[in-house]
Amino acid sequence: HFVAATNANDVVPQYLKSGDYQPR
């Protein structure tokens, strides 16, 4: 498995949870 570890810039972890990709 891969674990993507981010700081507060969590665009990809949020996508993996919701399916909604929202760059900011």
PDB file of all heavy atoms in Angstrom:
ATOM      1  N   HIS A   1       0.851  -1.188   0.000  1.00  0.00           N
ATOM      2  CA  HIS A   1       0.000   0.000   0.000  1.00  0.00           C
ATOM      3  C   HIS A   1       0.886   1.237   0.000  1.00  0.00           C
ATOM      4  O   HIS A   1       2.077   1.167   0.327  1.00  0.00           O
ATOM      5  CB  HIS A   1      -0.891   0.010   1.253  1.00  0.00           C
ATOM      6  CG  HIS A   1      -2.123   0.862   1.125  1.00  0.00           C
ATOM      7  ND1 HIS A   1      -3.196   0.526   0.332  1.00  0.00           N
ATOM      8  CD2 HIS A   1      -2.451   2.055   1.694  1.00  0.00           C
ATOM      9  CE1 HIS A   1      -4.136   1.451   0.427  1.00  0.00           C
ATOM     10  NE2 HIS A   1      -3.699   2.400   1.247  1.00  0.00           N
ATOM     11  N   PHE A   2       0.312   2.366  -0.382  1.00  0.00           N
ATOM     12  CA  PHE A   2       0.971   3.665  -0.264  1.00  0.00           C
ATOM     13  C   PHE A   2       0.162   4.536   0.687  1.00  0.00           C
ATOM     14  O   PHE A   2      -1.079   4.534   0.649  1.00  0.00           O
ATOM     15  CB  PHE A   2       1.064   4.377  -1.618  1.00  0.00           C
ATOM     16  CG  PHE A   2       2.044   3.769  -2.573  1.00  0.00           C
ATOM     17  CD1 PHE A   2       1.622   2.863  -3.540  1.00  0.00           C
ATOM     18  CD2 PHE A   2       3.389   4.088  -2.518  1.00  0.00           C
ATOM     19  CE1 PHE A   2       2.516   2.295  -4.425  1.00  0.00           C
ATOM     20  CE2 PHE A   2       4.297   3.526  -3.401  1.00  0.00           C
ATOM     21  CZ  PHE A   2       3.856   2.620  -4.357  1.00  0.00           C
ATOM     22  N   VAL A   3       0.870   5.295   1.512  1.00  0.00           N
ATOM     23  CA  VAL A   3       0.236   6.290   2.370  1.00  0.00           C
ATOM     24  C   VAL A   3       0.778   7.656   1.975  1.00  0.00           C
ATOM     25  O   VAL A   3       1.986   7.891   2.029  1.00  0.00           O
ATOM     26  CB  VAL A   3       0.516   6.013   3.864  1.00  0.00           C
ATOM     27  CG1 VAL A   3      -0.099   7.114   4.732  1.00  0.00           C
ATOM     28  CG2 VAL A   3      -0.027   4.646   4.264  1.00  0.00           C
ATOM     29  N   ALA A   4      -0.111   8.528   1.541  1.00  0.00           N
ATOM     30  CA  ALA A   4       0.268   9.898   1.190  1.00  0.00           C
ATOM     31  C   ALA A   4       0.151  10.762   2.443  1.00  0.00           C
ATOM     32  O   ALA A   4      -0.944  10.930   2.986  1.00  0.00           O
ATOM     33  CB  ALA A   4      -0.648  10.439   0.096  1.00  0.00           C
ATOM     34  N   ALA A   5       1.283  11.272   2.904  1.00  0.00           N
ATOM     35  CA  ALA A   5       1.318  12.072   4.126  1.00  0.00           C
ATOM     36  C   ALA A   5       1.495  13.536   3.761  1.00  0.00           C
ATOM     37  O   ALA A   5       2.479  13.894   3.113  1.00  0.00           O
ATOM     38  CB  ALA A   5       2.468  11.603   5.019  1.00  0.00           C
ATOM     39  N   THR A   6       0.556  14.378   4.163  1.00  0.00           N
ATOM     40  CA  THR A   6       0.660  15.802   3.853  1.00  0.00           C
ATOM     41  C   THR A   6       0.546  16.636   5.122  1.00  0.00           C
ATOM     42  O   THR A   6       0.120  16.163   6.172  1.00  0.00           O
ATOM     43  CB  THR A   6      -0.437  16.262   2.863  1.00  0.00           C
ATOM     44  OG1 THR A   6      -1.692  16.347   3.543  1.00  0.00           O
ATOM     45  CG2 THR A   6      -0.556  15.318   1.668  1.00  0.00           C
ATOM     46  N   ASN A   7       0.931  17.895   4.973  1.00  0.00           N
ATOM     47  CA  ASN A   7       0.683  18.876   6.027  1.00  0.00           C
ATOM     48  C   ASN A   7      -0.716  19.468   5.802  1.00  0.00           C
ATOM     49  O   ASN A   7      -1.591  18.789   5.254  1.00  0.00           O
ATOM     50  CB  ASN A   7       1.800  19.928   6.042  1.00  0.00           C
ATOM     51  CG  ASN A   7       2.003  20.585   4.677  1.00  0.00           C
ATOM     52  OD1 ASN A   7       1.075  20.721   3.882  1.00  0.00           O
ATOM     53  ND2 ASN A   7       3.232  20.981   4.395  1.00  0.00           N
ATOM     54  N   ALA A   8      -0.921  20.715   6.165  1.00  0.00           N
ATOM     55  CA  ALA A   8      -2.245  21.328   6.012  1.00  0.00           C
ATOM     56  C   ALA A   8      -2.690  21.428   4.555  1.00  0.00           C
ATOM     57  O   ALA A   8      -3.886  21.598   4.277  1.00  0.00           O
ATOM     58  CB  ALA A   8      -2.240  22.723   6.649  1.00  0.00           C
ATOM     59  N   ASN A   9      -1.761  21.289   3.632  1.00  0.00           N
ATOM     60  CA  ASN A   9      -2.090  21.307   2.198  1.00  0.00           C
ATOM     61  C   ASN A   9      -2.531  19.900   1.778  1.00  0.00           C
ATOM     62  O   ASN A   9      -1.776  19.138   1.198  1.00  0.00           O
ATOM     63  CB  ASN A   9      -0.880  21.791   1.406  1.00  0.00           C
ATOM     64  CG  ASN A   9      -0.491  23.204   1.786  1.00  0.00           C
ATOM     65  OD1 ASN A   9      -1.120  24.166   1.370  1.00  0.00           O
ATOM     66  ND2 ASN A   9       0.541  23.344   2.618  1.00  0.00           N
ATOM     67  N   ASP A  10      -3.785  19.588   2.101  1.00  0.00           N
ATOM     68  CA  ASP A  10      -4.278  18.206   2.057  1.00  0.00           C
ATOM     69  C   ASP A  10      -5.262  17.953   0.916  1.00  0.00           C
ATOM     70  O   ASP A  10      -6.216  17.188   1.076  1.00  0.00           O
ATOM     71  CB  ASP A  10      -4.927  17.844   3.386  1.00  0.00           C
ATOM     72  CG  ASP A  10      -6.138  18.728   3.714  1.00  0.00           C
ATOM     73  OD1 ASP A  10      -6.352  19.743   3.020  1.00  0.00           O
ATOM     74  OD2 ASP A  10      -6.873  18.390   4.662  1.00  0.00           O
ATOM     75  N   VAL A  11      -5.014  18.550  -0.248  1.00  0.00           N
ATOM     76  CA  VAL A  11      -5.928  18.408  -1.373  1.00  0.00           C
ATOM     77  C   VAL A  11      -6.112  16.946  -1.766  1.00  0.00           C
ATOM     78  O   VAL A  11      -7.246  16.486  -1.986  1.00  0.00           O
ATOM     79  CB  VAL A  11      -5.420  19.232  -2.579  1.00  0.00           C
ATOM     80  CG1 VAL A  11      -6.205  18.899  -3.840  1.00  0.00           C
ATOM     81  CG2 VAL A  11      -5.520  20.723  -2.280  1.00  0.00           C
ATOM     82  N   VAL A  12      -5.029  16.184  -1.843  1.00  0.00           N
ATOM     83  CA  VAL A  12      -5.136  14.785  -2.272  1.00  0.00           C
ATOM     84  C   VAL A  12      -5.751  13.903  -1.184  1.00  0.00           C
ATOM     85  O   VAL A  12      -6.638  13.086  -1.490  1.00  0.00           O
ATOM     86  CB  VAL A  12      -3.779  14.252  -2.768  1.00  0.00           C
ATOM     87  CG1 VAL A  12      -3.851  12.750  -3.016  1.00  0.00           C
ATOM     88  CG2 VAL A  12      -3.380  14.975  -4.053  1.00  0.00           C
ATOM     89  N   PRO A  13      -5.347  14.001   0.087  1.00  0.00           N
ATOM     90  CA  PRO A  13      -6.067  13.230   1.114  1.00  0.00           C
ATOM     91  C   PRO A  13      -7.573  13.513   1.126  1.00  0.00           C
ATOM     92  O   PRO A  13      -8.372  12.589   1.315  1.00  0.00           O
ATOM     93  CB  PRO A  13      -5.397  13.673   2.422  1.00  0.00           C
ATOM     94  CG  PRO A  13      -3.996  13.975   2.028  1.00  0.00           C
ATOM     95  CD  PRO A  13      -4.127  14.630   0.672  1.00  0.00           C
ATOM     96  N   GLN A  14      -7.954  14.757   0.899  1.00  0.00           N
ATOM     97  CA  GLN A  14      -9.381  15.074   0.844  1.00  0.00           C
ATOM     98  C   GLN A  14     -10.044  14.409  -0.352  1.00  0.00           C
ATOM     99  O   GLN A  14     -11.169  13.910  -0.261  1.00  0.00           O
ATOM    100  CB  GLN A  14      -9.586  16.597   0.804  1.00  0.00           C
ATOM    101  CG  GLN A  14      -9.284  17.304   2.104  1.00  0.00           C
ATOM    102  CD  GLN A  14     -10.168  16.817   3.247  1.00  0.00           C
ATOM    103  OE1 GLN A  14     -11.343  16.522   3.083  1.00  0.00           O
ATOM    104  NE2 GLN A  14      -9.571  16.706   4.431  1.00  0.00           N
ATOM    105  N   TYR A  15      -9.345  14.386  -1.489  1.00  0.00           N
ATOM    106  CA  TYR A  15      -9.880  13.704  -2.676  1.00  0.00           C
ATOM    107  C   TYR A  15     -10.057  12.213  -2.399  1.00  0.00           C
ATOM    108  O   TYR A  15     -11.072  11.606  -2.770  1.00  0.00           O
ATOM    109  CB  TYR A  15      -8.949  13.904  -3.867  1.00  0.00           C
ATOM    110  CG  TYR A  15      -9.272  12.979  -5.029  1.00  0.00           C
ATOM    111  CD1 TYR A  15     -10.343  13.257  -5.883  1.00  0.00           C
ATOM    112  CD2 TYR A  15      -8.525  11.824  -5.253  1.00  0.00           C
ATOM    113  CE1 TYR A  15     -10.665  12.401  -6.930  1.00  0.00           C
ATOM    114  CE2 TYR A  15      -8.833  10.960  -6.300  1.00  0.00           C
ATOM    115  CZ  TYR A  15      -9.899  11.254  -7.131  1.00  0.00           C
ATOM    116  OH  TYR A  15     -10.215  10.403  -8.160  1.00  0.00           O
ATOM    117  N   LEU A  16      -9.071  11.600  -1.750  1.00  0.00           N
ATOM    118  CA  LEU A  16      -9.143  10.171  -1.475  1.00  0.00           C
ATOM    119  C   LEU A  16     -10.313   9.840  -0.555  1.00  0.00           C
ATOM    120  O   LEU A  16     -10.872   8.741  -0.616  1.00  0.00           O
ATOM    121  CB  LEU A  16      -7.827   9.692  -0.867  1.00  0.00           C
ATOM    122  CG  LEU A  16      -6.623   9.707  -1.823  1.00  0.00           C
ATOM    123  CD1 LEU A  16      -5.321   9.500  -1.050  1.00  0.00           C
ATOM    124  CD2 LEU A  16      -6.775   8.647  -2.909  1.00  0.00           C
ATOM    125  N   LYS A  17     -10.702  10.793   0.297  1.00  0.00           N
ATOM    126  CA  LYS A  17     -11.842  10.574   1.189  1.00  0.00           C
ATOM    127  C   LYS A  17     -13.175  10.817   0.494  1.00  0.00           C
ATOM    128  O   LYS A  17     -14.158  10.111   0.745  1.00  0.00           O
ATOM    129  CB  LYS A  17     -11.727  11.500   2.407  1.00  0.00           C
ATOM    130  CG  LYS A  17     -10.594  11.154   3.348  1.00  0.00           C
ATOM    131  CD  LYS A  17     -10.453  12.198   4.445  1.00  0.00           C
ATOM    132  CE  LYS A  17      -9.244  11.898   5.334  1.00  0.00           C
ATOM    133  NZ  LYS A  17      -8.999  12.980   6.317  1.00  0.00           N
ATOM    134  N   SER A  18     -13.223  11.833  -0.387  1.00  0.00           N
ATOM    135  CA  SER A  18     -14.515  12.281  -0.924  1.00  0.00           C
ATOM    136  C   SER A  18     -14.740  12.020  -2.402  1.00  0.00           C
ATOM    137  O   SER A  18     -15.885  12.020  -2.869  1.00  0.00           O
ATOM    138  CB  SER A  18     -14.662  13.786  -0.673  1.00  0.00           C
ATOM    139  OG  SER A  18     -13.733  14.511  -1.484  1.00  0.00           O
ATOM    140  N   GLY A  19     -13.640  11.843  -3.156  1.00  0.00           N
ATOM    141  CA  GLY A  19     -13.765  11.736  -4.607  1.00  0.00           C
ATOM    142  C   GLY A  19     -13.873  13.078  -5.296  1.00  0.00           C
ATOM    143  O   GLY A  19     -14.044  13.149  -6.516  1.00  0.00           O
ATOM    144  N   ASP A  20     -13.741  14.167  -4.539  1.00  0.00           N
ATOM    145  CA  ASP A  20     -13.868  15.522  -5.078  1.00  0.00           C
ATOM    146  C   ASP A  20     -12.495  16.195  -5.042  1.00  0.00           C
ATOM    147  O   ASP A  20     -11.955  16.449  -3.966  1.00  0.00           O
ATOM    148  CB  ASP A  20     -14.878  16.314  -4.235  1.00  0.00           C
ATOM    149  CG  ASP A  20     -15.171  17.682  -4.827  1.00  0.00           C
ATOM    150  OD1 ASP A  20     -14.974  17.865  -6.049  1.00  0.00           O
ATOM    151  OD2 ASP A  20     -15.613  18.565  -4.068  1.00  0.00           O
ATOM    152  N   TYR A  21     -11.928  16.461  -6.223  1.00  0.00           N
ATOM    153  CA  TYR A  21     -10.598  17.068  -6.307  1.00  0.00           C
ATOM    154  C   TYR A  21     -10.746  18.574  -6.409  1.00  0.00           C
ATOM    155  O   TYR A  21     -11.268  19.094  -7.394  1.00  0.00           O
ATOM    156  CB  TYR A  21      -9.838  16.527  -7.512  1.00  0.00           C
ATOM    157  CG  TYR A  21      -8.434  17.076  -7.646  1.00  0.00           C
ATOM    158  CD1 TYR A  21      -7.480  16.834  -6.667  1.00  0.00           C
ATOM    159  CD2 TYR A  21      -8.063  17.835  -8.751  1.00  0.00           C
ATOM    160  CE1 TYR A  21      -6.200  17.333  -6.774  1.00  0.00           C
ATOM    161  CE2 TYR A  21      -6.774  18.335  -8.876  1.00  0.00           C
ATOM    162  CZ  TYR A  21      -5.847  18.084  -7.876  1.00  0.00           C
ATOM    163  OH  TYR A  21      -4.580  18.590  -8.004  1.00  0.00           O
ATOM    164  N   GLN A  22     -10.299  19.288  -5.379  1.00  0.00           N
ATOM    165  CA  GLN A  22     -10.469  20.736  -5.301  1.00  0.00           C
ATOM    166  C   GLN A  22      -9.145  21.420  -4.954  1.00  0.00           C
ATOM    167  O   GLN A  22      -8.857  21.683  -3.786  1.00  0.00           O
ATOM    168  CB  GLN A  22     -11.532  21.086  -4.242  1.00  0.00           C
ATOM    169  CG  GLN A  22     -12.942  20.671  -4.586  1.00  0.00           C
ATOM    170  CD  GLN A  22     -13.495  21.467  -5.755  1.00  0.00           C
ATOM    171  OE1 GLN A  22     -13.069  22.590  -6.025  1.00  0.00           O
ATOM    172  NE2 GLN A  22     -14.453  20.894  -6.464  1.00  0.00           N
ATOM    173  N   PRO A  23      -8.299  21.694  -5.967  1.00  0.00           N
ATOM    174  CA  PRO A  23      -7.074  22.452  -5.690  1.00  0.00           C
ATOM    175  C   PRO A  23      -7.408  23.805  -5.068  1.00  0.00           C
ATOM    176  O   PRO A  23      -8.467  24.386  -5.352  1.00  0.00           O
ATOM    177  CB  PRO A  23      -6.442  22.618  -7.071  1.00  0.00           C
ATOM    178  CG  PRO A  23      -7.053  21.555  -7.906  1.00  0.00           C
ATOM    179  CD  PRO A  23      -8.440  21.369  -7.396  1.00  0.00           C
ATOM    180  N   ARG A  24      -6.501  24.299  -4.247  1.00  0.00           N
ATOM    181  CA  ARG A  24      -6.731  25.585  -3.590  1.00  0.00           C
ATOM    182  C   ARG A  24      -5.387  26.224  -3.290  1.00  0.00           C
ATOM    183  O   ARG A  24      -4.354  25.547  -3.345  1.00  0.00           O
ATOM    184  CB  ARG A  24      -7.542  25.394  -2.310  1.00  0.00           C
ATOM    185  CG  ARG A  24      -6.860  24.528  -1.259  1.00  0.00           C
ATOM    186  CD  ARG A  24      -7.700  24.446   0.010  1.00  0.00           C
ATOM    187  NE  ARG A  24      -6.988  23.749   1.069  1.00  0.00           N
ATOM    188  CZ  ARG A  24      -7.075  22.453   1.291  1.00  0.00           C
ATOM    189  NH1 ARG A  24      -7.833  21.689   0.522  1.00  0.00           N
ATOM    190  NH2 ARG A  24      -6.398  21.904   2.295  1.00  0.00           N
TER     191      ARG A  24
END
